[in-house]
Amino acid sequence: CQSNYGNDIWFKYTPPRGGVASFSTCGSSFDNVLDIFSGTCGSLTSVACNDDGGYACTGTAASVQATLNCNTTYYVRISGYSTNTGSGTLTITDPTAISAPTISGSTTVAGGVSATLTASGGSGVTLNWYASSSCGGSSIGTGTSISVSPTTTTTYTAAYTDGCTTSSCSNTATVTVGGHNTCASAPTITAGSYPYSNVGASTDGGAPS
C-alpha cells in the first residue's frame, strides 16, 4: 500500500485462534506504515497494509484488521513513511473467541419439500451445519443459512470452527415431515406460512369427492 518507506522494525505474531485480528500504531510520534505478512522471511505475502489512519487511528499512524489462521505465524512490519523515524506502541487484539450460534427455522413440511434454517450470533471463521442433535457426523453445509429437504423428520444443529477448535453446539431446530397425504394423518398447524408439494402424493380414498 506504500512503496516509499524505510527504517523498518519487525515482530512475529501467532494468533491463538483463527478470525479477525486487529493491529494499530495509534498515537505514534511519526508517520508510519503498518504491514502484516504471511509466509517465511525471504518469501512473504502481504495480508494487510495501511498508511495513515485505517480503522482506528487518526493522522499519520496506521491500523489494520486481517482475517488470520490459527497456529500460523505472521510477520508485522512497522516502517517510517519516506525517512520518518520516531517511537510508538504496537497494539494487537486477538481474534474473538469462537462461540456457538443460535439457530431457527423449525417447521413442518411435506416429505422432500425444502425448509430454510438460519443462524444468528456466535462467532468463528466457518459455520458448519449438522443433521444431528449434537453436531455429530459430517457437516452438511456451511454459512449462516442452509436449505434442507429431509424425507423424514430431522433435527439440525450448527457450530463454529476456526480451523483448529470448534465451538459448543447450538440449540436444535427440527424439520418435521408431516403425514400430509391422508386426512387422518394431517399435521396440526397455526397461523403462518407452510411450504408444501403434492409431487408423489396419492389420493386419499376416504375423503369426499
Protein backbone atom coordinates (compact mmCIF):
# COMPACT_ATOMS: atom_id res chain seq x y z
CA CYS A 1 0.00 0.00 0.00
CA GLN A 2 3.07 2.24 0.27
CA SER A 3 6.34 1.85 -1.62
CA ASN A 4 8.02 4.92 -0.12
CA TYR A 5 9.15 3.64 3.27
CA GLY A 6 12.25 2.83 5.31
CA ASN A 7 13.73 2.29 8.77
CA ASP A 8 11.53 -0.72 9.43
CA ILE A 9 11.20 -2.90 12.54
CA TRP A 10 9.64 -6.39 12.72
CA PHE A 11 7.57 -8.56 15.07
CA LYS A 12 6.26 -12.14 14.85
CA TYR A 13 2.69 -12.89 15.94
CA THR A 14 0.83 -16.22 16.13
CA PRO A 15 -2.90 -15.82 16.87
CA PRO A 16 -4.32 -18.22 19.48
CA ARG A 17 -7.29 -18.90 17.21
CA GLY A 18 -8.48 -18.05 13.73
CA GLY A 19 -10.53 -14.96 12.93
CA VAL A 20 -10.11 -11.20 12.62
CA ALA A 21 -7.12 -9.75 14.48
CA SER A 22 -6.53 -6.01 14.88
CA PHE A 23 -3.22 -4.13 14.73
CA SER A 24 -2.57 -0.44 15.36
CA THR A 25 0.15 2.14 15.99
CA CYS A 26 -2.29 4.83 17.10
CA GLY A 27 -0.56 7.67 18.98
CA SER A 28 2.87 7.07 17.47
CA SER A 29 5.16 10.06 17.11
CA PHE A 30 5.90 9.66 13.41
CA ASP A 31 4.30 8.95 10.04
CA ASN A 32 4.41 5.16 9.73
CA VAL A 33 3.27 2.27 7.55
CA LEU A 34 1.91 -0.97 9.05
CA ASP A 35 2.14 -4.26 7.13
CA ILE A 36 1.06 -7.81 8.01
CA PHE A 37 2.66 -10.70 6.12
CA SER A 38 2.28 -14.47 5.93
CA GLY A 39 4.95 -16.89 4.79
CA THR A 40 8.60 -17.04 5.75
CA CYS A 41 11.34 -14.45 5.75
CA GLY A 42 12.54 -14.01 2.18
CA SER A 43 9.23 -15.32 0.82
CA LEU A 44 6.49 -13.18 2.37
CA THR A 45 2.97 -12.44 1.11
CA SER A 46 1.12 -9.29 2.11
CA VAL A 47 -2.04 -9.96 4.13
CA ALA A 48 -2.95 -6.39 5.08
CA CYS A 49 -1.40 -2.92 4.91
CA ASN A 50 -2.23 0.63 5.99
CA ASP A 51 -0.57 4.01 5.69
CA ASP A 52 -2.36 6.74 7.67
CA GLY A 53 -5.49 6.16 9.70
CA GLY A 54 -7.07 2.83 8.94
CA TYR A 55 -9.98 1.53 11.01
CA ALA A 56 -8.88 3.00 14.34
CA CYS A 57 -6.27 5.78 14.11
CA THR A 58 -6.27 9.40 13.05
CA GLY A 59 -3.43 11.32 11.46
CA THR A 60 -0.35 9.53 10.22
CA ALA A 61 -0.43 6.47 12.50
CA ALA A 62 -1.71 3.23 10.98
CA SER A 63 -4.20 0.45 11.79
CA VAL A 64 -5.37 -2.71 10.00
CA GLN A 65 -7.63 -5.69 10.60
CA ALA A 66 -6.97 -9.04 8.96
CA THR A 67 -8.55 -12.49 8.95
CA LEU A 68 -5.83 -14.85 10.16
CA ASN A 69 -5.48 -18.61 10.56
CA CYS A 70 -4.86 -20.30 13.88
CA ASN A 71 -1.46 -21.88 14.56
CA THR A 72 0.10 -19.74 11.83
CA THR A 73 2.92 -17.25 12.35
CA TYR A 74 2.57 -13.80 10.81
CA TYR A 75 5.15 -11.05 10.45
CA VAL A 76 4.33 -7.47 11.43
CA ARG A 77 6.39 -4.67 9.91
CA ILE A 78 6.32 -1.06 11.09
CA SER A 79 8.24 1.31 8.86
CA GLY A 80 8.57 5.06 8.56
CA TYR A 81 6.94 6.78 5.64
CA SER A 82 9.79 8.04 3.48
CA THR A 83 12.60 8.62 6.01
CA ASN A 84 10.41 9.31 9.07
CA THR A 85 11.54 7.92 12.43
CA GLY A 86 10.15 8.02 15.93
CA SER A 87 8.55 5.85 18.59
CA GLY A 88 5.14 4.44 19.42
CA THR A 89 3.21 1.43 20.66
CA LEU A 90 2.03 -1.53 18.59
CA THR A 91 -1.32 -2.78 19.88
CA ILE A 92 -2.63 -6.20 18.82
CA THR A 93 -6.07 -7.57 19.61
CA ASP A 94 -6.54 -11.33 19.23
CA PRO A 95 -9.45 -12.74 17.18
CA THR A 96 -12.67 -13.10 19.18
CA ALA A 97 -13.08 -16.45 20.90
CA ILE A 98 -15.38 -18.76 18.96
CA SER A 99 -18.87 -19.28 20.37
CA ALA A 100 -22.00 -21.15 19.44
CA PRO A 101 -24.71 -19.61 17.25
CA THR A 102 -28.46 -19.67 17.82
CA ILE A 103 -30.39 -21.35 15.02
CA SER A 104 -34.04 -21.13 13.97
CA GLY A 105 -36.34 -22.49 11.30
CA SER A 106 -38.20 -25.37 12.93
CA THR A 107 -41.19 -26.14 10.75
CA THR A 108 -43.43 -28.86 9.33
CA VAL A 109 -43.14 -29.76 5.65
CA ALA A 110 -44.19 -32.47 3.27
CA GLY A 111 -41.52 -35.04 2.51
CA GLY A 112 -38.92 -33.69 0.10
CA VAL A 113 -40.04 -30.06 0.41
CA SER A 114 -37.23 -27.67 1.34
CA ALA A 115 -37.04 -25.61 4.50
CA THR A 116 -34.56 -22.87 5.35
CA LEU A 117 -32.66 -22.81 8.63
CA THR A 118 -30.83 -19.67 9.76
CA ALA A 119 -28.17 -18.90 12.37
CA SER A 120 -27.53 -15.72 14.32
CA GLY A 121 -24.99 -14.69 16.92
CA GLY A 122 -21.94 -16.70 17.80
CA SER A 123 -18.50 -16.15 16.31
CA GLY A 124 -15.88 -18.04 14.37
CA VAL A 125 -14.47 -18.45 10.90
CA THR A 126 -16.71 -21.14 9.41
CA LEU A 127 -20.22 -22.14 10.49
CA ASN A 128 -20.91 -25.84 9.91
CA TRP A 129 -24.39 -27.43 9.89
CA TYR A 130 -25.16 -30.97 11.01
CA ALA A 131 -28.14 -33.30 10.59
CA SER A 132 -27.92 -34.39 14.21
CA SER A 133 -28.96 -33.17 17.64
CA SER A 134 -25.38 -32.84 18.90
CA CYS A 135 -23.25 -31.54 15.97
CA GLY A 136 -22.16 -35.10 15.22
CA GLY A 137 -21.14 -36.66 11.94
CA SER A 138 -20.08 -34.81 8.80
CA SER A 139 -21.06 -31.25 8.01
CA ILE A 140 -23.98 -30.96 5.58
CA GLY A 141 -23.23 -27.35 4.66
CA THR A 142 -21.75 -24.04 5.74
CA GLY A 143 -22.86 -20.44 6.12
CA THR A 144 -25.42 -18.53 8.17
CA SER A 145 -28.35 -20.19 6.38
CA ILE A 146 -28.98 -23.55 4.77
CA SER A 147 -31.76 -25.14 2.74
CA VAL A 148 -32.66 -28.70 3.71
CA SER A 149 -35.11 -31.19 2.18
CA PRO A 150 -35.50 -34.10 4.58
CA THR A 151 -37.66 -37.10 3.72
CA THR A 152 -38.11 -37.96 7.40
CA THR A 153 -38.29 -35.76 10.48
CA THR A 154 -34.76 -34.49 11.14
CA THR A 155 -33.13 -32.43 13.89
CA TYR A 156 -30.38 -29.98 12.93
CA THR A 157 -27.60 -28.19 14.79
CA ALA A 158 -24.66 -25.92 13.95
CA ALA A 159 -21.26 -24.98 15.36
CA TYR A 160 -18.49 -22.53 14.51
CA THR A 161 -14.89 -23.54 13.89
CA ASP A 162 -11.71 -21.50 13.46
CA GLY A 163 -9.90 -24.33 11.73
CA CYS A 164 -8.33 -25.60 14.95
CA THR A 165 -11.09 -25.66 17.57
CA THR A 166 -14.87 -25.92 17.45
CA SER A 167 -17.45 -24.02 19.47
CA SER A 168 -20.04 -25.70 21.63
CA CYS A 169 -23.08 -26.94 19.74
CA SER A 170 -26.05 -24.68 19.00
CA ASN A 171 -29.62 -25.24 20.07
CA THR A 172 -31.62 -27.59 17.85
CA ALA A 173 -34.06 -26.91 15.03
CA THR A 174 -36.35 -29.69 13.85
CA VAL A 175 -37.92 -30.02 10.43
CA THR A 176 -40.92 -32.28 10.88
CA VAL A 177 -42.05 -34.24 7.85
CA GLY A 178 -45.80 -34.38 8.31
CA GLY A 179 -48.24 -37.03 7.18
CA HIS A 180 -49.92 -34.70 4.70
CA ASN A 181 -51.06 -37.48 2.40
CA THR A 182 -54.15 -38.56 4.31
CA CYS A 183 -56.87 -36.73 6.16
CA ALA A 184 -56.30 -38.81 9.29
CA SER A 185 -52.58 -38.04 9.48
CA ALA A 186 -52.74 -34.30 8.69
CA PRO A 187 -50.40 -32.33 10.99
CA THR A 188 -51.70 -29.55 13.20
CA ILE A 189 -50.62 -26.05 12.18
CA THR A 190 -51.21 -22.50 13.34
CA ALA A 191 -51.31 -19.17 11.50
CA GLY A 192 -48.22 -18.79 9.33
CA SER A 193 -46.70 -19.89 6.04
CA TYR A 194 -46.05 -23.55 5.21
CA PRO A 195 -44.27 -24.87 2.11
CA TYR A 196 -45.92 -27.88 0.51
CA SER A 197 -45.76 -30.16 -2.51
CA ASN A 198 -48.11 -32.83 -3.83
CA VAL A 199 -45.42 -34.41 -6.00
CA GLY A 200 -45.56 -38.14 -5.37
CA ALA A 201 -48.74 -37.89 -3.28
CA SER A 202 -51.57 -40.38 -3.71
CA THR A 203 -55.30 -39.69 -3.41
CA ASP A 204 -56.97 -40.24 -0.04
CA GLY A 205 -59.82 -42.57 -0.97
CA GLY A 206 -61.62 -41.84 2.31
CA ALA A 207 -62.09 -38.14 1.53
CA PRO A 208 -65.32 -36.85 -0.05
CA SER A 209 -65.22 -36.12 -3.76
